[in-house]
Every structure is written in structure tokens, then in C-alpha cells.
Amino acid sequence: MINLSRIARLADVLLDVVGVAVGSLMLVIGIETYRDGGSLSWPIAGSVLFLVNLWVACRRFTRRREPAPSS
């Protein structure tokens, strides 16, 4: 039998990790674009995207580590 809740949890973790990876790539591309004479908004947007994705991933992983409430 397919356990949909487990698949959803794994997809959630995967999306958190991919979000941080995309944010870091955007930051690197923004810095390279700025060094080549581009706008300063590229590295700023990349750093904001990276920090927001990192904050979301950290918040979610710390929430997973907390013990389940006992009834």
C-alpha cells in the first residue's frame, strides 16, 4: 500500500533543500553579473532569496526535531 503521508513529507524535505540550492545559485549568478557590470539588485535579490529559503528550511527542520507531544 502506498503511504501518501510519507511521500508528502519526503517531497517537503526535497523542496526545502532545492529552495536553498536555488537561492545559493541565484546569489552566485547575481555576484557574477554584478562583477561583469550589472546592477547591484541582482546580488541583493539573490541574497534575499537565499536567506529566506535557508530560514524556511531551518525552521522546518527544527520543528521536525521537536518531540511529539504526549497525550
PDB file of N, CA and C in Angstrom:
ATOM      1  N   MET A   1       0.834  -1.178   0.000  1.00  0.00           N
ATOM      2  CA  MET A   1       0.000   0.000   0.000  1.00  0.00           C
ATOM      3  C   MET A   1       0.884   1.248   0.000  1.00  0.00           C
ATOM      4  N   ILE A   2       0.478   2.239  -0.728  1.00  0.00           N
ATOM      5  CA  ILE A   2       1.249   3.474  -0.850  1.00  0.00           C
ATOM      6  C   ILE A   2       0.940   4.376   0.336  1.00  0.00           C
ATOM      7  N   ASN A   3       2.007   4.819   0.998  1.00  0.00           N
ATOM      8  CA  ASN A   3       1.868   5.707   2.137  1.00  0.00           C
ATOM      9  C   ASN A   3       2.026   7.152   1.652  1.00  0.00           C
ATOM     10  N   LEU A   4       0.920   7.825   1.411  1.00  0.00           N
ATOM     11  CA  LEU A   4       0.957   9.171   0.840  1.00  0.00           C
ATOM     12  C   LEU A   4       1.535  10.201   1.799  1.00  0.00           C
ATOM     13  N   SER A   5       1.347  10.021   3.094  1.00  0.00           N
ATOM     14  CA  SER A   5       1.889  10.991   4.042  1.00  0.00           C
ATOM     15  C   SER A   5       3.419  10.946   4.048  1.00  0.00           C
ATOM     16  N   ARG A   6       3.990   9.757   3.901  1.00  0.00           N
ATOM     17  CA  ARG A   6       5.450   9.645   3.842  1.00  0.00           C
ATOM     18  C   ARG A   6       5.977  10.292   2.569  1.00  0.00           C
ATOM     19  N   ILE A   7       5.310  10.078   1.461  1.00  0.00           N
ATOM     20  CA  ILE A   7       5.719  10.690   0.201  1.00  0.00           C
ATOM     21  C   ILE A   7       5.626  12.216   0.287  1.00  0.00           C
ATOM     22  N   ALA A   8       4.587  12.710   0.927  1.00  0.00           N
ATOM     23  CA  ALA A   8       4.430  14.158   1.084  1.00  0.00           C
ATOM     24  C   ALA A   8       5.537  14.731   1.960  1.00  0.00           C
ATOM     25  N   ARG A   9       5.911  14.029   3.032  1.00  0.00           N
ATOM     26  CA  ARG A   9       6.999  14.502   3.893  1.00  0.00           C
ATOM     27  C   ARG A   9       8.325  14.529   3.145  1.00  0.00           C
ATOM     28  N   LEU A  10       8.601  13.482   2.360  1.00  0.00           N
ATOM     29  CA  LEU A  10       9.844  13.443   1.600  1.00  0.00           C
ATOM     30  C   LEU A  10       9.881  14.539   0.535  1.00  0.00           C
ATOM     31  N   ALA A  11       8.760  14.781  -0.112  1.00  0.00           N
ATOM     32  CA  ALA A  11       8.692  15.855  -1.100  1.00  0.00           C
ATOM     33  C   ALA A  11       8.888  17.212  -0.442  1.00  0.00           C
ATOM     34  N   ASP A  12       8.367  17.367   0.764  1.00  0.00           N
ATOM     35  CA  ASP A  12       8.516  18.615   1.507  1.00  0.00           C
ATOM     36  C   ASP A  12       9.984  18.867   1.838  1.00  0.00           C
ATOM     37  N   VAL A  13      10.680  17.840   2.295  1.00  0.00           N
ATOM     38  CA  VAL A  13      12.105  17.970   2.603  1.00  0.00           C
ATOM     39  C   VAL A  13      12.893  18.264   1.330  1.00  0.00           C
ATOM     40  N   LEU A  14      12.570  17.583   0.254  1.00  0.00           N
ATOM     41  CA  LEU A  14      13.255  17.805  -1.009  1.00  0.00           C
ATOM     42  C   LEU A  14      13.075  19.241  -1.496  1.00  0.00           C
ATOM     43  N   LEU A  15      11.880  19.762  -1.388  1.00  0.00           N
ATOM     44  CA  LEU A  15      11.633  21.140  -1.813  1.00  0.00           C
ATOM     45  C   LEU A  15      12.377  22.141  -0.948  1.00  0.00           C
ATOM     46  N   ASP A  16      12.526  21.861   0.352  1.00  0.00           N
ATOM     47  CA  ASP A  16      13.306  22.743   1.222  1.00  0.00           C
ATOM     48  C   ASP A  16      14.765  22.780   0.795  1.00  0.00           C
ATOM     49  N   VAL A  17      15.329  21.620   0.500  1.00  0.00           N
ATOM     50  CA  VAL A  17      16.732  21.553   0.090  1.00  0.00           C
ATOM     51  C   VAL A  17      16.926  22.195  -1.276  1.00  0.00           C
ATOM     52  N   VAL A  18      16.009  21.958  -2.195  1.00  0.00           N
ATOM     53  CA  VAL A  18      16.105  22.552  -3.529  1.00  0.00           C
ATOM     54  C   VAL A  18      15.968  24.073  -3.445  1.00  0.00           C
ATOM     55  N   GLY A  19      15.126  24.561  -2.549  1.00  0.00           N
ATOM     56  CA  GLY A  19      14.974  26.003  -2.392  1.00  0.00           C
ATOM     57  C   GLY A  19      16.262  26.668  -1.964  1.00  0.00           C
ATOM     58  N   VAL A  20      16.982  26.057  -1.033  1.00  0.00           N
ATOM     59  CA  VAL A  20      18.270  26.600  -0.598  1.00  0.00           C
ATOM     60  C   VAL A  20      19.283  26.534  -1.737  1.00  0.00           C
ATOM     61  N   ALA A  21      19.264  25.451  -2.494  1.00  0.00           N
ATOM     62  CA  ALA A  21      20.193  25.322  -3.623  1.00  0.00           C
ATOM     63  C   ALA A  21      19.914  26.382  -4.685  1.00  0.00           C
ATOM     64  N   VAL A  22      18.650  26.606  -4.991  1.00  0.00           N
ATOM     65  CA  VAL A  22      18.291  27.620  -5.987  1.00  0.00           C
ATOM     66  C   VAL A  22      18.670  29.016  -5.489  1.00  0.00           C
ATOM     67  N   GLY A  23      18.449  29.273  -4.217  1.00  0.00           N
ATOM     68  CA  GLY A  23      18.831  30.568  -3.652  1.00  0.00           C
ATOM     69  C   GLY A  23      20.322  30.808  -3.712  1.00  0.00           C
ATOM     70  N   SER A  24      21.117  29.778  -3.429  1.00  0.00           N
ATOM     71  CA  SER A  24      22.566  29.951  -3.488  1.00  0.00           C
ATOM     72  C   SER A  24      23.042  30.133  -4.929  1.00  0.00           C
ATOM     73  N   LEU A  25      22.436  29.418  -5.880  1.00  0.00           N
ATOM     74  CA  LEU A  25      22.792  29.620  -7.285  1.00  0.00           C
ATOM     75  C   LEU A  25      22.436  31.030  -7.754  1.00  0.00           C
ATOM     76  N   MET A  26      21.291  31.523  -7.320  1.00  0.00           N
ATOM     77  CA  MET A  26      20.883  32.889  -7.681  1.00  0.00           C
ATOM     78  C   MET A  26      21.863  33.911  -7.102  1.00  0.00           C
ATOM     79  N   LEU A  27      22.340  33.656  -5.890  1.00  0.00           N
ATOM     80  CA  LEU A  27      23.313  34.558  -5.282  1.00  0.00           C
ATOM     81  C   LEU A  27      24.621  34.552  -6.063  1.00  0.00           C
ATOM     82  N   VAL A  28      25.103  33.379  -6.431  1.00  0.00           N
ATOM     83  CA  VAL A  28      26.354  33.284  -7.199  1.00  0.00           C
ATOM     84  C   VAL A  28      26.214  33.962  -8.557  1.00  0.00           C
ATOM     85  N   ILE A  29      25.110  33.712  -9.235  1.00  0.00           N
ATOM     86  CA  ILE A  29      24.885  34.339 -10.542  1.00  0.00           C
ATOM     87  C   ILE A  29      24.751  35.849 -10.396  1.00  0.00           C
ATOM     88  N   GLY A  30      24.105  36.298  -9.333  1.00  0.00           N
ATOM     89  CA  GLY A  30      23.977  37.733  -9.094  1.00  0.00           C
ATOM     90  C   GLY A  30      25.318  38.399  -8.857  1.00  0.00           C
ATOM     91  N   ILE A  31      26.202  37.741  -8.105  1.00  0.00           N
ATOM     92  CA  ILE A  31      27.529  38.299  -7.861  1.00  0.00           C
ATOM     93  C   ILE A  31      28.337  38.345  -9.154  1.00  0.00           C
ATOM     94  N   GLU A  32      28.255  37.285  -9.949  1.00  0.00           N
ATOM     95  CA  GLU A  32      28.970  37.291 -11.234  1.00  0.00           C
ATOM     96  C   GLU A  32      28.438  38.376 -12.165  1.00  0.00           C
ATOM     97  N   THR A  33      27.134  38.555 -12.181  1.00  0.00           N
ATOM     98  CA  THR A  33      26.539  39.591 -13.029  1.00  0.00           C
ATOM     99  C   THR A  33      26.979  40.973 -12.565  1.00  0.00           C
ATOM    100  N   TYR A  34      27.040  41.174 -11.263  1.00  0.00           N
ATOM    101  CA  TYR A  34      27.473  42.472 -10.730  1.00  0.00           C
ATOM    102  C   TYR A  34      28.938  42.734 -11.067  1.00  0.00           C
ATOM    103  N   ARG A  35      29.766  41.707 -10.989  1.00  0.00           N
ATOM    104  CA  ARG A  35      31.189  41.878 -11.327  1.00  0.00           C
ATOM    105  C   ARG A  35      31.382  42.200 -12.807  1.00  0.00           C
ATOM    106  N   ASP A  36      30.465  41.722 -13.642  1.00  0.00           N
ATOM    107  CA  ASP A  36      30.553  41.995 -15.082  1.00  0.00           C
ATOM    108  C   ASP A  36      29.915  43.325 -15.453  1.00  0.00           C
ATOM    109  N   GLY A  37      29.518  44.126 -14.481  1.00  0.00           N
ATOM    110  CA  GLY A  37      28.967  45.447 -14.754  1.00  0.00           C
ATOM    111  C   GLY A  37      27.462  45.522 -14.648  1.00  0.00           C
ATOM    112  N   GLY A  38      26.844  44.512 -14.095  1.00  0.00           N
ATOM    113  CA  GLY A  38      25.389  44.510 -13.952  1.00  0.00           C
ATOM    114  C   GLY A  38      24.924  45.322 -12.754  1.00  0.00           C
ATOM    115  N   SER A  39      23.650  45.274 -12.525  1.00  0.00           N
ATOM    116  CA  SER A  39      23.034  46.039 -11.459  1.00  0.00           C
ATOM    117  C   SER A  39      23.314  45.401 -10.098  1.00  0.00           C
ATOM    118  N   LEU A  40      23.328  46.227  -9.067  1.00  0.00           N
ATOM    119  CA  LEU A  40      23.531  45.746  -7.704  1.00  0.00           C
ATOM    120  C   LEU A  40      22.314  44.989  -7.190  1.00  0.00           C
ATOM    121  N   SER A  41      21.189  45.146  -7.850  1.00  0.00           N
ATOM    122  CA  SER A  41      19.971  44.475  -7.392  1.00  0.00           C
ATOM    123  C   SER A  41      20.044  42.955  -7.564  1.00  0.00           C
ATOM    124  N   TRP A  42      20.874  42.457  -8.491  1.00  0.00           N
ATOM    125  CA  TRP A  42      20.990  41.010  -8.675  1.00  0.00           C
ATOM    126  C   TRP A  42      21.573  40.318  -7.441  1.00  0.00           C
ATOM    127  N   PRO A  43      22.715  40.771  -6.895  1.00  0.00           N
ATOM    128  CA  PRO A  43      23.210  40.109  -5.689  1.00  0.00           C
ATOM    129  C   PRO A  43      22.298  40.318  -4.480  1.00  0.00           C
ATOM    130  N   ILE A  44      21.626  41.453  -4.413  1.00  0.00           N
ATOM    131  CA  ILE A  44      20.703  41.696  -3.307  1.00  0.00           C
ATOM    132  C   ILE A  44      19.523  40.729  -3.393  1.00  0.00           C
ATOM    133  N   ALA A  45      18.961  40.578  -4.587  1.00  0.00           N
ATOM    134  CA  ALA A  45      17.840  39.645  -4.764  1.00  0.00           C
ATOM    135  C   ALA A  45      18.284  38.210  -4.488  1.00  0.00           C
ATOM    136  N   GLY A  46      19.473  37.845  -4.934  1.00  0.00           N
ATOM    137  CA  GLY A  46      19.979  36.504  -4.674  1.00  0.00           C
ATOM    138  C   GLY A  46      20.189  36.240  -3.194  1.00  0.00           C
ATOM    139  N   SER A  47      20.726  37.225  -2.478  1.00  0.00           N
ATOM    140  CA  SER A  47      20.951  37.025  -1.046  1.00  0.00           C
ATOM    141  C   SER A  47      19.636  36.967  -0.285  1.00  0.00           C
ATOM    142  N   VAL A  48      18.655  37.766  -0.687  1.00  0.00           N
ATOM    143  CA  VAL A  48      17.354  37.710  -0.027  1.00  0.00           C
ATOM    144  C   VAL A  48      16.687  36.357  -0.271  1.00  0.00           C
ATOM    145  N   LEU A  49      16.729  35.895  -1.503  1.00  0.00           N
ATOM    146  CA  LEU A  49      16.146  34.594  -1.825  1.00  0.00           C
ATOM    147  C   LEU A  49      16.839  33.471  -1.063  1.00  0.00           C
ATOM    148  N   PHE A  50      18.159  33.517  -0.995  1.00  0.00           N
ATOM    149  CA  PHE A  50      18.912  32.501  -0.271  1.00  0.00           C
ATOM    150  C   PHE A  50      18.576  32.520   1.213  1.00  0.00           C
ATOM    151  N   LEU A  51      18.553  33.694   1.826  1.00  0.00           N
ATOM    152  CA  LEU A  51      18.295  33.790   3.271  1.00  0.00           C
ATOM    153  C   LEU A  51      16.868  33.368   3.625  1.00  0.00           C
ATOM    154  N   VAL A  52      15.910  33.724   2.801  1.00  0.00           N
ATOM    155  CA  VAL A  52      14.523  33.320   3.070  1.00  0.00           C
ATOM    156  C   VAL A  52      14.377  31.808   2.960  1.00  0.00           C
ATOM    157  N   ASN A  53      14.947  31.212   1.926  1.00  0.00           N
ATOM    158  CA  ASN A  53      14.871  29.761   1.780  1.00  0.00           C
ATOM    159  C   ASN A  53      15.617  29.043   2.889  1.00  0.00           C
ATOM    160  N   LEU A  54      16.749  29.581   3.313  1.00  0.00           N
ATOM    161  CA  LEU A  54      17.500  28.985   4.411  1.00  0.00           C
ATOM    162  C   LEU A  54      16.709  29.079   5.719  1.00  0.00           C
ATOM    163  N   TRP A  55      16.064  30.218   5.948  1.00  0.00           N
ATOM    164  CA  TRP A  55      15.266  30.391   7.163  1.00  0.00           C
ATOM    165  C   TRP A  55      14.094  29.411   7.179  1.00  0.00           C
ATOM    166  N   VAL A  56      13.426  29.247   6.060  1.00  0.00           N
ATOM    167  CA  VAL A  56      12.301  28.310   5.982  1.00  0.00           C
ATOM    168  C   VAL A  56      12.767  26.881   6.224  1.00  0.00           C
ATOM    169  N   ALA A  57      13.882  26.495   5.622  1.00  0.00           N
ATOM    170  CA  ALA A  57      14.393  25.132   5.797  1.00  0.00           C
ATOM    171  C   ALA A  57      14.821  24.896   7.244  1.00  0.00           C
ATOM    172  N   CYS A  58      15.511  25.847   7.842  1.00  0.00           N
ATOM    173  CA  CYS A  58      15.940  25.687   9.240  1.00  0.00           C
ATOM    174  C   CYS A  58      14.744  25.608  10.175  1.00  0.00           C
ATOM    175  N   ARG A  59      13.763  26.425   9.951  1.00  0.00           N
ATOM    176  CA  ARG A  59      12.573  26.411  10.800  1.00  0.00           C
ATOM    177  C   ARG A  59      11.849  25.070  10.695  1.00  0.00           C
ATOM    178  N   ARG A  60      11.751  24.549   9.490  1.00  0.00           N
ATOM    179  CA  ARG A  60      11.061  23.285   9.292  1.00  0.00           C
ATOM    180  C   ARG A  60      11.841  22.121   9.899  1.00  0.00           C
ATOM    181  N   PHE A  61      13.190  22.124   9.758  1.00  0.00           N
ATOM    182  CA  PHE A  61      13.988  21.038  10.313  1.00  0.00           C
ATOM    183  C   PHE A  61      14.017  21.078  11.833  1.00  0.00           C
ATOM    184  N   THR A  62      14.014  22.271  12.435  1.00  0.00           N
ATOM    185  CA  THR A  62      13.959  22.320  13.897  1.00  0.00           C
ATOM    186  C   THR A  62      12.588  21.881  14.398  1.00  0.00           C
ATOM    187  N   ARG A  63      11.553  22.153  13.635  1.00  0.00           N
ATOM    188  CA  ARG A  63      10.218  21.700  14.020  1.00  0.00           C
ATOM    189  C   ARG A  63      10.124  20.176  13.957  1.00  0.00           C
ATOM    190  N   ARG A  64      10.817  19.579  13.013  1.00  0.00           N
ATOM    191  CA  ARG A  64      10.809  18.111  12.905  1.00  0.00           C
ATOM    192  C   ARG A  64      11.561  17.457  14.057  1.00  0.00           C
ATOM    193  N   ARG A  65      12.576  18.133  14.606  1.00  0.00           N
ATOM    194  CA  ARG A  65      13.365  17.565  15.689  1.00  0.00           C
ATOM    195  C   ARG A  65      12.650  17.583  17.029  1.00  0.00           C
ATOM    196  N   GLU A  66      11.694  18.463  17.182  1.00  0.00           N
ATOM    197  CA  GLU A  66      10.982  18.560  18.456  1.00  0.00           C
ATOM    198  C   GLU A  66      10.217  17.260  18.700  1.00  0.00           C
ATOM    199  N   PRO A  67      10.235  16.792  19.942  1.00  0.00           N
ATOM    200  CA  PRO A  67       9.499  15.553  20.232  1.00  0.00           C
ATOM    201  C   PRO A  67       8.000  15.758  20.081  1.00  0.00           C
ATOM    202  N   ALA A  68       7.347  14.702  19.700  1.00  0.00           N
ATOM    203  CA  ALA A  68       5.887  14.771  19.537  1.00  0.00           C
ATOM    204  C   ALA A  68       5.240  14.937  20.907  1.00  0.00           C
ATOM    205  N   PRO A  69       4.201  15.748  20.988  1.00  0.00           N
ATOM    206  CA  PRO A  69       3.533  15.946  22.271  1.00  0.00           C
ATOM    207  C   PRO A  69       2.864  14.651  22.735  1.00  0.00           C
ATOM    208  N   SER A  70       3.084  14.337  23.992  1.00  0.00           N
ATOM    209  CA  SER A  70       2.464  13.122  24.536  1.00  0.00           C
ATOM    210  C   SER A  70       1.104  13.464  25.121  1.00  0.00           C
ATOM    211  N   SER A  71       0.179  12.557  24.924  1.00  0.00           N
ATOM    212  CA  SER A  71      -1.176  12.834  25.420  1.00  0.00           C
ATOM    213  C   SER A  71      -1.468  12.098  26.686  1.00  0.00           C
TER     214      SER A  71
END
